[in-house]
Amino acid sequence: MNSQQEIHVVLEQGIALQKAGDHDAAANLCRDILDISPDNLDALLLLASVRRSQARYGEALDLYRKLVELDPDRPDVWYNRGNLHADRNELNEAEESYRKALALSPHNVGFHANLAIVLARRGDETEAMDHYRSALDIDPQHTIANLNLANLLADRGETRNAVALLRKVIALTPNLAEGHYNLALALLRLGEWTNGFAEYEWRWKTAQHLDRPAYRNLKEWRGGTFPGRELIVHAEQGLGDTIQFAKLLGVAKSLGGDVVFHVPAKLERLMKTMPFDVKVTSAHRASEGDFQVPLMSLPQRLKLTPGSIPGQMSYLKAEPERVADWRQRLFGDPAREKPLVGLVWRGNPSSPVEKGRSLSSAADFAPLAAIDGIRLIALQKLSDHDIEPADVASGWRVKGLPFTLEYPGPDFDAGEDAFIDTAATMALCAIVISVCTAPLHLAGALGRPAIGLLKSVPDWRWMMEKQTTPWYPTMQLVRQKPGEDFAPAIERAALLCRSLVSSSSE
């Protein structure tokens, strides 16, 4: 391997091995070249890429440093270095590298697209959109730029523009699951449920939904009656999703056969309070039954529209003995008979829908503390570090607030069953006020008066603009306006709360 032609052949072999996933073999070929040509840029660049693939980031970064020293004007070096920093979530360094690559090659579509990805991750959505559009000026059919621009448009509330762009993405790449799935979310937010839930079936082919339960021996139920047969409906996604879509089990049962609802163990006790003639269990085998269907496929199978959601006020119940116990604990003293307002201010921080839905802290609820004649109580599980003893009925309050926010106590929902104490406490509340998380769905399922605090572009299930939801007749929605933080929405929720409390006491 003495000639440049021979080195080129070996490099091509190394690139092929890298693409095939044989990183060790590719690295060995790079080393062979570097033994005779230590400053060969192409071999150094390939070896850096191999080390990045092997997650040997320190070695890769050292190689990129050497490459920059040898040739600071080579754009692909800066681009690949940016990819390495992006992998490590070093967003400032990734942005710097991508910008240097673009300065050297301003018409490279990949450089614009990857810089846009980093900018969006940093929260600079406006400039990210500019770079996606620059990428599309160069290549109008660039899949990633089209898809990600559509997602940013949807996040900014430009939902119809997002739908148009997502349809373009699907036309260009018909089997792109993320395109179909994101189109589903946009259509559902617009209330276009027929097409939206059909597209939502693509979720199982996206990266975030690859853990579909295996019911390999059962046919998937596609809708229609099933007299004399048994249908397995299996819960999926979050606890709030399970609570919300359980409302449809009565409709499924009306189609003629037996319905068995497979749920997470922590929800079995709560779900057994449903009035529907269905079997609820967390102990199951995938081979039982005649048909199976994922819970959140029921809307598509039942041809659901916003106007055809079952209208019952409640479909879950708090356990009477729990309600009696909490009534004694929270209202045992006649001096504590003021109506309770339950508060929930944050969701699961690891949830993929967490961005923008939670308040910064319980202190944001201060406008509610200014309402005369009510008591505030936290309805989410808190750690011992977040609470402290206090002269309130339960003996506990949330720590560090300038107003009193009672807390049920360290034993609140401390068992294996989720929401048993939460449901009982909600049954004693005049109103529940919550951000978009599972307790809000629980309040709606219990038929409790509730106020949902929603970000300006909410999760698809709340649709857009309306102050009510067909899922929960006793719930009112208070939405951020575009450009607002949550403070003005909380002020509006406080006014609504004051009105509802006054009405309920008359």
Protein backbone atom coordinates (compact mmCIF):
# COMPACT_ATOMS: atom_id res chain seq x y z
CA MET A 1 0.00 0.00 0.00
CA ASN A 2 2.44 2.55 -1.25
CA SER A 3 0.43 4.48 -3.82
CA GLN A 4 -2.44 6.89 -3.35
CA GLN A 5 -4.59 4.57 -5.43
CA GLU A 6 -3.96 1.70 -3.04
CA ILE A 7 -4.76 3.92 -0.05
CA HIS A 8 -7.97 4.97 -1.75
CA VAL A 9 -8.99 1.34 -2.23
CA VAL A 10 -8.35 0.56 1.43
CA LEU A 11 -10.32 3.64 2.49
CA GLU A 12 -13.28 2.50 0.41
CA GLN A 13 -13.08 -0.88 2.12
CA GLY A 14 -13.01 0.84 5.53
CA ILE A 15 -16.04 2.96 4.67
CA ALA A 16 -17.94 -0.16 3.60
CA LEU A 17 -17.02 -1.92 6.84
CA GLN A 18 -18.10 1.11 8.87
CA LYS A 19 -21.47 1.19 7.11
CA ALA A 20 -21.85 -2.55 7.74
CA GLY A 21 -21.23 -2.02 11.46
CA ASP A 22 -17.85 -3.78 11.59
CA HIS A 23 -16.20 -0.91 13.43
CA ASP A 24 -13.14 -2.81 14.64
CA ALA A 25 -12.22 -3.94 11.15
CA ALA A 26 -12.73 -0.43 9.79
CA ALA A 27 -10.51 1.00 12.53
CA ASN A 28 -7.78 -1.52 11.73
CA LEU A 29 -7.74 -0.45 8.10
CA CYS A 30 -7.50 3.20 9.15
CA ARG A 31 -4.56 2.32 11.37
CA ASP A 32 -2.86 0.55 8.47
CA ILE A 33 -3.10 3.71 6.40
CA LEU A 34 -1.99 5.98 9.24
CA ASP A 35 1.05 3.81 9.91
CA ILE A 36 2.45 4.82 6.53
CA SER A 37 0.69 8.20 6.19
CA PRO A 38 0.12 9.66 9.70
CA ASP A 39 -1.54 12.83 8.45
CA ASN A 40 -3.90 11.28 5.93
CA LEU A 41 -7.02 13.39 6.41
CA ASP A 42 -9.47 10.87 5.01
CA ALA A 43 -8.17 8.07 7.22
CA LEU A 44 -8.24 10.32 10.29
CA LEU A 45 -11.78 11.41 9.49
CA LEU A 46 -12.99 7.84 9.00
CA LEU A 47 -11.29 6.71 12.22
CA ALA A 48 -12.93 9.59 14.11
CA SER A 49 -16.30 8.49 12.72
CA VAL A 50 -15.61 4.90 13.78
CA ARG A 51 -14.70 5.98 17.31
CA ARG A 52 -17.88 8.04 17.48
CA SER A 53 -19.89 4.98 16.44
CA GLN A 54 -18.17 3.02 19.19
CA ALA A 55 -19.03 5.76 21.71
CA ARG A 56 -15.31 6.30 22.28
CA TYR A 57 -15.95 10.02 22.29
CA GLY A 58 -12.69 11.16 23.85
CA GLU A 59 -10.63 9.48 21.15
CA ALA A 60 -12.94 10.81 18.44
CA LEU A 61 -12.66 14.36 19.75
CA ASP A 62 -8.85 14.12 19.84
CA LEU A 63 -8.92 13.05 16.21
CA TYR A 64 -11.16 15.96 15.23
CA ARG A 65 -8.81 18.36 17.01
CA LYS A 66 -5.92 16.99 14.97
CA LEU A 67 -7.95 17.27 11.78
CA VAL A 68 -8.78 20.91 12.49
CA GLU A 69 -5.10 21.64 13.05
CA LEU A 70 -4.15 19.95 9.79
CA ASP A 71 -6.92 21.51 7.67
CA PRO A 72 -9.18 24.09 9.37
CA ASP A 73 -10.94 24.82 6.08
CA ARG A 74 -12.38 21.38 5.49
CA PRO A 75 -16.18 21.65 6.12
CA ASP A 76 -16.85 17.93 6.57
CA VAL A 77 -14.45 17.88 9.53
CA TRP A 78 -16.41 20.62 11.30
CA TYR A 79 -19.70 18.95 10.38
CA ASN A 80 -18.72 15.58 11.80
CA ARG A 81 -17.26 17.23 14.86
CA GLY A 82 -20.63 18.92 15.31
CA ASN A 83 -22.34 15.54 15.11
CA LEU A 84 -20.08 14.23 17.86
CA HIS A 85 -20.91 17.15 20.16
CA ALA A 86 -24.62 16.75 19.36
CA ASP A 87 -24.39 13.08 20.38
CA ARG A 88 -22.96 14.20 23.71
CA ASN A 89 -25.63 16.89 24.11
CA GLU A 90 -22.89 19.54 24.03
CA LEU A 91 -25.14 21.92 22.17
CA ASN A 92 -22.97 25.04 22.29
CA GLU A 93 -20.01 23.18 20.82
CA ALA A 94 -22.21 21.46 18.23
CA GLU A 95 -23.67 24.79 17.13
CA GLU A 96 -20.20 26.33 16.81
CA SER A 97 -18.97 23.43 14.68
CA TYR A 98 -22.01 23.45 12.40
CA ARG A 99 -21.73 27.21 11.91
CA LYS A 100 -18.09 26.84 10.88
CA ALA A 101 -19.05 24.10 8.44
CA LEU A 102 -21.75 26.36 6.97
CA ALA A 103 -19.36 29.28 6.67
CA LEU A 104 -17.14 27.07 4.52
CA SER A 105 -19.99 25.48 2.57
CA PRO A 106 -23.13 27.64 2.82
CA HIS A 107 -25.19 25.61 0.35
CA ASN A 108 -24.93 22.23 2.05
CA VAL A 109 -28.41 21.04 2.95
CA GLY A 110 -27.21 18.68 5.70
CA PHE A 111 -25.29 21.43 7.44
CA HIS A 112 -28.38 23.64 7.59
CA ALA A 113 -30.59 20.77 8.76
CA ASN A 114 -28.29 19.63 11.56
CA LEU A 115 -27.70 23.17 12.80
CA ALA A 116 -31.48 23.60 12.87
CA ILE A 117 -31.85 20.44 14.98
CA VAL A 118 -29.40 21.78 17.56
CA LEU A 119 -31.01 25.23 17.59
CA ALA A 120 -34.43 23.67 18.17
CA ARG A 121 -33.06 21.57 21.03
CA ARG A 122 -31.71 24.77 22.58
CA GLY A 123 -35.12 26.43 22.28
CA ASP A 124 -34.25 28.83 19.44
CA GLU A 125 -37.13 27.71 17.25
CA THR A 126 -37.24 30.82 15.07
CA GLU A 127 -33.68 30.48 13.78
CA ALA A 128 -34.11 26.71 13.54
CA MET A 129 -37.04 27.26 11.19
CA ASP A 130 -34.92 29.67 9.13
CA HIS A 131 -32.26 27.01 8.63
CA TYR A 132 -34.82 24.32 7.78
CA ARG A 133 -36.20 26.67 5.15
CA SER A 134 -32.69 27.33 3.85
CA ALA A 135 -32.20 23.57 3.58
CA LEU A 136 -35.44 23.27 1.64
CA ASP A 137 -34.45 26.10 -0.69
CA ILE A 138 -31.49 23.90 -1.62
CA ASP A 139 -33.39 20.60 -1.66
CA PRO A 140 -37.20 20.94 -1.47
CA GLN A 141 -37.53 17.17 -0.98
CA HIS A 142 -35.20 16.87 2.02
CA THR A 143 -37.14 14.58 4.34
CA ILE A 144 -35.68 15.61 7.70
CA ALA A 145 -35.96 19.32 6.99
CA ASN A 146 -39.59 18.97 5.87
CA LEU A 147 -40.53 16.75 8.81
CA ASN A 148 -38.83 18.83 11.48
CA LEU A 149 -40.09 22.13 10.08
CA ALA A 150 -43.61 20.71 10.16
CA ASN A 151 -43.15 19.67 13.79
CA LEU A 152 -41.95 23.16 14.75
CA LEU A 153 -44.93 24.70 12.99
CA ALA A 154 -47.23 22.40 14.95
CA ASP A 155 -45.49 23.28 18.22
CA ARG A 156 -46.04 26.97 17.48
CA GLY A 157 -49.75 26.50 16.85
CA GLU A 158 -49.54 26.76 13.06
CA THR A 159 -51.29 23.42 12.89
CA ARG A 160 -52.87 23.66 9.44
CA ASN A 161 -49.56 24.69 7.88
CA ALA A 162 -47.98 21.74 9.67
CA VAL A 163 -50.62 19.39 8.25
CA ALA A 164 -49.94 20.60 4.71
CA LEU A 165 -46.20 20.08 5.11
CA LEU A 166 -46.62 16.66 6.72
CA ARG A 167 -48.78 15.56 3.81
CA LYS A 168 -45.92 16.62 1.54
CA VAL A 169 -43.50 14.56 3.64
CA ILE A 170 -45.73 11.50 3.34
CA ALA A 171 -46.10 11.99 -0.41
CA LEU A 172 -42.31 12.05 -0.69
CA THR A 173 -41.72 9.18 1.77
CA PRO A 174 -44.94 7.13 2.03
CA ASN A 175 -43.59 4.66 4.62
CA LEU A 176 -42.09 7.23 6.99
CA ALA A 177 -43.80 6.30 10.25
CA GLU A 178 -42.86 9.55 12.00
CA GLY A 179 -44.52 11.53 9.21
CA HIS A 180 -47.80 9.65 9.58
CA TYR A 181 -47.65 9.76 13.39
CA ASN A 182 -46.97 13.49 13.54
CA LEU A 183 -49.72 14.09 10.99
CA ALA A 184 -52.04 12.16 13.31
CA LEU A 185 -51.22 14.41 16.26
CA ALA A 186 -51.83 17.54 14.20
CA LEU A 187 -55.14 16.30 12.79
CA LEU A 188 -56.37 15.17 16.20
CA ARG A 189 -55.52 18.58 17.68
CA LEU A 190 -57.71 20.10 14.96
CA GLY A 191 -60.56 17.74 15.84
CA GLU A 192 -60.27 15.85 12.54
CA TRP A 193 -60.58 12.50 14.26
CA THR A 194 -61.50 10.17 11.40
CA ASN A 195 -58.26 10.74 9.51
CA GLY A 196 -56.33 11.52 12.68
CA PHE A 197 -56.98 8.24 14.44
CA ALA A 198 -56.36 6.33 11.20
CA GLU A 199 -52.91 7.93 10.97
CA TYR A 200 -52.40 7.33 14.70
CA GLU A 201 -52.15 3.60 13.96
CA TRP A 202 -48.65 4.32 12.64
CA ARG A 203 -47.45 4.99 16.19
CA TRP A 204 -46.26 1.41 16.62
CA LYS A 205 -43.64 1.87 13.91
CA THR A 206 -42.07 4.95 15.55
CA ALA A 207 -39.12 4.87 17.92
CA GLN A 208 -41.12 6.00 20.96
CA HIS A 209 -43.72 3.21 20.62
CA LEU A 210 -41.64 0.13 19.87
CA ASP A 211 -42.68 -1.61 23.10
CA ARG A 212 -46.05 -2.77 21.80
CA PRO A 213 -47.39 -5.68 23.89
CA ALA A 214 -47.03 -9.02 22.14
CA TYR A 215 -50.35 -10.76 21.54
CA ARG A 216 -49.04 -12.93 18.74
CA ASN A 217 -51.66 -15.67 18.97
CA LEU A 218 -54.64 -13.32 18.82
CA LYS A 219 -56.12 -11.59 15.82
CA GLU A 220 -56.31 -7.84 16.06
CA TRP A 221 -59.87 -6.60 16.34
CA ARG A 222 -60.64 -4.22 13.49
CA GLY A 223 -64.07 -3.16 14.71
CA GLY A 224 -67.59 -4.50 14.36
CA THR A 225 -69.67 -6.80 16.54
CA PHE A 226 -68.19 -9.89 18.20
CA PRO A 227 -71.08 -11.80 19.83
CA GLY A 228 -70.03 -14.80 21.86
CA ARG A 229 -66.34 -13.90 21.55
CA GLU A 230 -63.82 -12.38 23.97
CA LEU A 231 -61.98 -9.15 23.21
CA ILE A 232 -58.77 -8.26 25.05
CA VAL A 233 -58.24 -4.50 25.33
CA HIS A 234 -54.74 -3.73 26.58
CA ALA A 235 -53.66 -0.46 28.12
CA GLU A 236 -50.79 1.46 26.57
CA GLN A 237 -48.69 4.57 27.15
CA GLY A 238 -49.23 6.60 30.34
CA LEU A 239 -51.56 6.28 33.31
CA GLY A 240 -53.53 9.31 32.15
CA ASP A 241 -54.06 7.70 28.75
CA THR A 242 -55.41 4.58 30.42
CA ILE A 243 -57.82 6.60 32.56
CA GLN A 244 -59.02 8.69 29.63
CA PHE A 245 -59.62 5.99 27.05
CA ALA A 246 -61.16 3.54 29.52
CA LYS A 247 -64.31 5.59 28.97
CA LEU A 248 -64.75 3.75 25.67
CA LEU A 249 -64.89 0.24 27.16
CA GLY A 250 -68.63 0.45 27.65
CA VAL A 251 -69.07 1.11 23.93
CA ALA A 252 -66.85 -1.86 23.07
CA LYS A 253 -68.87 -4.04 25.43
CA SER A 254 -72.09 -3.01 23.72
CA LEU A 255 -70.94 -4.76 20.55
CA GLY A 256 -71.91 -8.13 21.93
CA GLY A 257 -69.14 -10.19 23.48
CA ASP A 258 -66.99 -10.25 26.59
CA VAL A 259 -64.37 -7.57 27.17
CA VAL A 260 -61.26 -8.07 29.29
CA PHE A 261 -59.21 -5.00 30.13
CA HIS A 262 -55.48 -5.62 30.70
CA VAL A 263 -54.04 -2.81 32.83
CA PRO A 264 -50.84 -2.05 34.75
CA ALA A 265 -50.97 -3.59 38.21
CA LYS A 266 -50.94 -0.19 39.90
CA LEU A 267 -54.21 0.78 38.14
CA GLU A 268 -56.15 -2.46 38.59
CA ARG A 269 -57.85 -1.44 41.84
CA LEU A 270 -58.93 1.95 40.49
CA MET A 271 -60.16 0.56 37.17
CA LYS A 272 -62.30 -2.04 38.89
CA THR A 273 -64.60 0.79 40.02
CA MET A 274 -65.83 1.28 36.43
CA PRO A 275 -69.56 0.65 35.91
CA PHE A 276 -69.02 -1.28 32.68
CA ASP A 277 -69.51 -5.03 32.51
CA VAL A 278 -65.88 -5.75 31.72
CA LYS A 279 -63.24 -7.82 33.48
CA VAL A 280 -60.27 -5.76 34.69
CA THR A 281 -57.02 -7.59 35.39
CA SER A 282 -53.29 -7.08 35.55
CA ALA A 283 -52.64 -10.84 35.59
CA HIS A 284 -53.00 -12.16 32.08
CA ARG A 285 -51.54 -14.29 29.37
CA ALA A 286 -51.24 -13.06 25.83
CA SER A 287 -52.77 -16.25 24.42
CA GLU A 288 -56.16 -15.83 26.10
CA GLY A 289 -59.22 -14.44 24.30
CA ASP A 290 -60.33 -14.35 20.66
CA PHE A 291 -59.28 -10.85 19.62
CA GLN A 292 -57.04 -8.09 20.97
CA VAL A 293 -56.81 -4.35 20.46
CA PRO A 294 -54.65 -1.60 21.98
CA LEU A 295 -56.69 0.74 24.15
CA MET A 296 -55.90 3.86 22.15
CA SER A 297 -56.94 2.17 18.93
CA LEU A 298 -60.53 2.01 20.18
CA PRO A 299 -61.43 5.46 18.76
CA GLN A 300 -60.43 4.32 15.28
CA ARG A 301 -62.13 0.95 15.60
CA LEU A 302 -65.30 2.56 16.98
CA LYS A 303 -65.26 5.36 14.36
CA LEU A 304 -65.27 7.90 17.16
CA THR A 305 -65.92 11.59 16.53
CA PRO A 306 -65.89 14.45 19.07
CA GLY A 307 -69.69 14.29 19.08
CA SER A 308 -69.92 10.55 19.74
CA ILE A 309 -67.87 10.30 22.95
CA PRO A 310 -70.03 8.72 25.68
CA GLY A 311 -71.56 11.54 27.68
CA GLN A 312 -71.67 10.04 31.17
CA MET A 313 -70.52 12.47 33.86
CA SER A 314 -68.31 9.91 35.60
CA TYR A 315 -67.03 6.39 35.03
CA LEU A 316 -64.66 5.90 37.96
CA LYS A 317 -65.49 6.02 41.67
CA ALA A 318 -63.61 6.75 44.85
CA GLU A 319 -63.88 3.95 47.39
CA PRO A 320 -66.52 4.96 50.00
CA GLU A 321 -64.46 3.81 53.00
CA ARG A 322 -61.49 5.83 51.74
CA VAL A 323 -63.65 8.88 51.27
CA ALA A 324 -64.99 8.51 54.82
CA ASP A 325 -61.47 8.14 56.19
CA TRP A 326 -60.18 11.23 54.37
CA ARG A 327 -63.28 13.19 55.31
CA GLN A 328 -62.49 12.57 58.96
CA ARG A 329 -58.85 13.48 58.48
CA LEU A 330 -59.48 16.64 56.49
CA PHE A 331 -62.81 17.88 57.89
CA GLY A 332 -62.98 16.37 61.36
CA ASP A 333 -62.83 19.80 63.01
CA PRO A 334 -65.91 21.99 62.28
CA ALA A 335 -63.54 24.94 61.98
CA ARG A 336 -62.08 23.30 58.89
CA GLU A 337 -65.26 23.06 56.84
CA LYS A 338 -64.15 25.53 54.18
CA PRO A 339 -64.29 23.99 50.69
CA LEU A 340 -61.14 22.30 49.47
CA VAL A 341 -59.51 23.17 46.17
CA GLY A 342 -57.10 20.46 45.00
CA LEU A 343 -53.98 21.48 43.07
CA VAL A 344 -51.58 19.66 40.76
CA TRP A 345 -48.75 21.68 39.22
CA ARG A 346 -46.38 19.26 37.53
CA GLY A 347 -46.34 16.11 35.47
CA ASN A 348 -43.79 13.35 35.06
CA PRO A 349 -40.54 15.14 34.09
CA SER A 350 -39.42 12.17 31.98
CA SER A 351 -42.59 12.14 29.88
CA PRO A 352 -42.15 12.92 26.17
CA VAL A 353 -44.99 15.48 26.46
CA GLU A 354 -43.53 17.28 29.48
CA LYS A 355 -42.17 20.31 27.61
CA GLY A 356 -44.11 23.40 28.67
CA ARG A 357 -46.99 21.70 30.48
CA SER A 358 -45.83 22.03 34.12
CA LEU A 359 -45.63 25.08 36.35
CA SER A 360 -42.28 26.18 37.73
CA SER A 361 -43.45 25.40 41.28
CA ALA A 362 -46.51 25.32 43.52
CA ALA A 363 -45.78 28.98 44.33
CA ASP A 364 -47.27 29.86 40.94
CA PHE A 365 -50.70 29.12 42.47
CA ALA A 366 -50.46 32.22 44.71
CA PRO A 367 -53.52 33.90 43.07
CA LEU A 368 -55.66 31.04 44.34
CA ALA A 369 -54.43 31.62 47.88
CA ALA A 370 -55.97 35.10 47.70
CA ILE A 371 -59.49 33.67 47.37
CA ASP A 372 -61.35 34.00 50.65
CA GLY A 373 -63.18 31.05 52.17
CA ILE A 374 -61.31 28.13 50.62
CA ARG A 375 -58.49 25.77 51.56
CA LEU A 376 -55.83 24.62 49.13
CA ILE A 377 -54.53 21.06 49.14
CA ALA A 378 -51.84 19.42 47.02
CA LEU A 379 -53.03 16.35 45.13
CA GLN A 380 -49.77 14.96 43.82
CA LYS A 381 -47.35 12.65 45.50
CA LEU A 382 -44.50 14.58 47.13
CA SER A 383 -41.32 13.42 48.81
CA ASP A 384 -40.66 13.91 52.52
CA HIS A 385 -38.25 16.69 51.58
CA ASP A 386 -41.09 18.70 50.01
CA ILE A 387 -43.43 18.72 53.02
CA GLU A 388 -43.35 19.82 56.65
CA PRO A 389 -45.56 19.53 59.76
CA ALA A 390 -48.16 22.27 60.06
CA ASP A 391 -51.22 23.32 62.04
CA VAL A 392 -53.69 22.08 59.44
CA ALA A 393 -56.21 19.24 59.52
CA SER A 394 -53.89 16.64 58.02
CA GLY A 395 -50.91 17.93 59.99
CA TRP A 396 -48.84 18.58 56.85
CA ARG A 397 -48.24 21.33 54.32
CA VAL A 398 -46.03 21.88 51.26
CA LYS A 399 -42.71 23.34 52.36
CA GLY A 400 -41.31 26.72 51.39
CA LEU A 401 -44.42 28.56 50.18
CA PRO A 402 -45.61 32.04 51.20
CA PHE A 403 -49.14 30.67 51.60
CA THR A 404 -50.58 27.49 53.12
CA LEU A 405 -50.92 24.61 50.73
CA GLU A 406 -52.05 21.62 52.76
CA TYR A 407 -50.80 18.13 52.01
CA PRO A 408 -52.64 14.91 52.92
CA GLY A 409 -49.56 13.40 54.58
CA PRO A 410 -46.60 11.06 54.00
CA ASP A 411 -48.93 8.06 53.69
CA PHE A 412 -50.87 9.65 50.80
CA ASP A 413 -51.10 7.01 48.05
CA ALA A 414 -48.16 5.24 49.65
CA GLY A 415 -49.34 1.74 48.71
CA GLU A 416 -48.90 -0.20 45.50
CA ASP A 417 -52.22 0.99 44.05
CA ALA A 418 -52.13 4.30 42.19
CA PHE A 419 -54.53 7.16 42.91
CA ILE A 420 -56.67 5.41 45.54
CA ASP A 421 -56.18 8.20 48.08
CA THR A 422 -56.09 10.83 45.33
CA ALA A 423 -59.52 9.74 44.11
CA ALA A 424 -60.93 9.80 47.65
CA THR A 425 -59.50 13.26 48.31
CA MET A 426 -60.79 14.55 44.98
CA ALA A 427 -64.24 13.35 46.00
CA LEU A 428 -64.02 15.82 48.90
CA CYS A 429 -62.79 18.74 46.78
CA ALA A 430 -65.09 21.44 45.53
CA ILE A 431 -62.77 21.91 42.55
CA VAL A 432 -59.61 20.29 41.20
CA ILE A 433 -57.16 22.48 39.28
CA SER A 434 -54.40 20.67 37.42
CA VAL A 435 -51.96 20.93 34.59
CA CYS A 436 -52.15 18.31 31.84
CA THR A 437 -51.22 15.14 33.67
CA ALA A 438 -52.86 11.96 34.99
CA PRO A 439 -54.65 13.54 38.00
CA LEU A 440 -56.49 15.89 35.64
CA HIS A 441 -57.84 12.88 33.77
CA LEU A 442 -58.73 11.26 37.08
CA ALA A 443 -60.72 14.31 38.17
CA GLY A 444 -62.62 14.22 34.87
CA ALA A 445 -63.24 10.48 35.09
CA LEU A 446 -64.61 10.90 38.63
CA GLY A 447 -66.93 13.61 37.38
CA ARG A 448 -65.45 16.22 39.74
CA PRO A 449 -65.63 19.92 38.91
CA ALA A 450 -62.20 20.58 37.42
CA ILE A 451 -60.13 23.22 35.70
CA GLY A 452 -57.44 22.10 33.28
CA LEU A 453 -54.47 24.45 32.89
CA LEU A 454 -53.13 24.02 29.37
CA LYS A 455 -50.22 25.46 27.44
CA SER A 456 -51.15 27.46 24.34
CA VAL A 457 -50.48 24.52 22.02
CA PRO A 458 -51.64 21.60 24.16
CA ASP A 459 -51.49 17.88 23.82
CA TRP A 460 -53.71 16.74 20.94
CA ARG A 461 -56.47 15.35 23.15
CA TRP A 462 -57.54 18.84 24.28
CA MET A 463 -57.83 20.10 20.70
CA MET A 464 -57.59 23.88 20.23
CA GLU A 465 -59.40 26.96 21.55
CA LYS A 466 -62.47 25.46 23.22
CA GLN A 467 -63.02 25.94 26.95
CA THR A 468 -64.65 22.54 27.35
CA THR A 469 -63.77 18.98 26.33
CA PRO A 470 -66.11 16.24 25.13
CA TRP A 471 -64.16 13.73 27.21
CA TYR A 472 -65.09 15.23 30.58
CA PRO A 473 -68.40 17.13 30.93
CA THR A 474 -67.50 18.55 34.38
CA MET A 475 -64.19 20.06 33.26
CA GLN A 476 -63.39 23.56 32.02
CA LEU A 477 -60.15 24.42 30.22
CA VAL A 478 -58.05 27.51 30.82
CA ARG A 479 -55.45 27.91 28.10
CA GLN A 480 -52.36 30.04 27.80
CA LYS A 481 -52.66 32.60 25.07
CA PRO A 482 -49.84 32.66 22.50
CA GLY A 483 -46.77 34.25 23.96
CA GLU A 484 -47.97 34.00 27.56
CA ASP A 485 -46.37 32.16 30.42
CA PHE A 486 -48.71 30.47 32.88
CA ALA A 487 -49.20 33.50 35.17
CA PRO A 488 -52.11 35.12 33.24
CA ALA A 489 -53.77 31.72 32.76
CA ILE A 490 -53.56 31.07 36.51
CA GLU A 491 -55.17 34.46 37.15
CA ARG A 492 -58.03 33.47 34.85
CA ALA A 493 -58.27 30.09 36.58
CA ALA A 494 -58.48 31.87 39.95
CA LEU A 495 -61.40 33.99 38.71
CA LEU A 496 -63.15 30.88 37.42
CA CYS A 497 -62.44 29.06 40.68
CA ARG A 498 -63.92 31.93 42.69
CA SER A 499 -67.06 31.83 40.53
CA LEU A 500 -67.44 28.06 40.79
CA VAL A 501 -66.98 28.06 44.56
CA SER A 502 -69.56 30.84 44.92
CA SER A 503 -72.02 28.95 42.75
CA SER A 504 -71.57 25.68 44.61
CA SER A 505 -72.17 27.34 47.99
CA GLU A 506 -75.42 29.02 46.97
